[in-house]
Amino acid sequence: MAHDERLIGDAMAGDRQLFARQYAAELAWKIVEPILDDTSAPPQYKPGT
């Protein structure tokens, strides 16, 4: 069975093991979103360092 088939089957069966809870998803976005929104240029390093 392909991964997407298992995911859909688990969702239909009510198996929540493969799914994040809302608070976990919100916490992840709270950590990641500032990084994604940062438009500053990354630091430049000299070649070979």
Protein backbone atom coordinates (compact mmCIF):
# COMPACT_ATOMS: atom_id res chain seq x y z
CA MET A 1 0.00 0.00 0.00
CA ALA A 2 1.34 3.44 -0.92
CA HIS A 3 1.92 6.03 1.79
CA ASP A 4 -0.88 8.29 0.57
CA GLU A 5 -3.33 5.37 0.55
CA ARG A 6 -2.42 4.55 4.14
CA LEU A 7 -2.83 8.18 5.19
CA ILE A 8 -6.27 8.42 3.60
CA GLY A 9 -7.28 5.04 5.03
CA ASP A 10 -6.13 6.01 8.52
CA ALA A 11 -8.01 9.32 8.28
CA MET A 12 -11.19 7.53 7.22
CA ALA A 13 -10.78 4.99 10.05
CA GLY A 14 -10.20 7.71 12.63
CA ASP A 15 -6.60 6.65 13.39
CA ARG A 16 -4.95 9.89 14.54
CA GLN A 17 -1.47 8.44 15.05
CA LEU A 18 -0.04 9.98 11.85
CA PHE A 19 -1.63 13.39 12.35
CA ALA A 20 -0.39 16.34 14.41
CA ARG A 21 -2.65 17.85 17.01
CA GLN A 22 -3.68 21.46 16.51
CA TYR A 23 -1.50 22.79 19.33
CA ALA A 24 1.57 21.00 17.92
CA ALA A 25 0.95 22.40 14.44
CA GLU A 26 0.46 25.92 15.82
CA LEU A 27 3.66 25.66 17.88
CA ALA A 28 5.59 24.48 14.83
CA TRP A 29 4.34 27.45 12.79
CA LYS A 30 5.18 29.81 15.68
CA ILE A 31 8.79 28.60 15.46
CA VAL A 32 9.09 28.37 11.66
CA GLU A 33 7.10 31.39 10.46
CA PRO A 34 9.58 34.07 11.63
CA ILE A 35 12.31 32.26 9.70
CA LEU A 36 10.18 32.07 6.56
CA ASP A 37 9.20 35.74 6.86
CA ASP A 38 12.82 36.91 7.24
CA THR A 39 13.78 38.64 3.99
CA SER A 40 17.27 39.71 5.05
CA ALA A 41 20.19 38.40 3.01
CA PRO A 42 22.09 35.49 4.52
CA PRO A 43 25.65 36.19 5.69
CA GLN A 44 28.33 35.95 3.03
CA TYR A 45 31.32 33.72 3.75
CA LYS A 46 34.64 33.71 1.96
CA PRO A 47 35.14 30.64 -0.25
CA GLY A 48 36.98 27.84 1.51
CA THR A 49 36.05 28.92 5.04
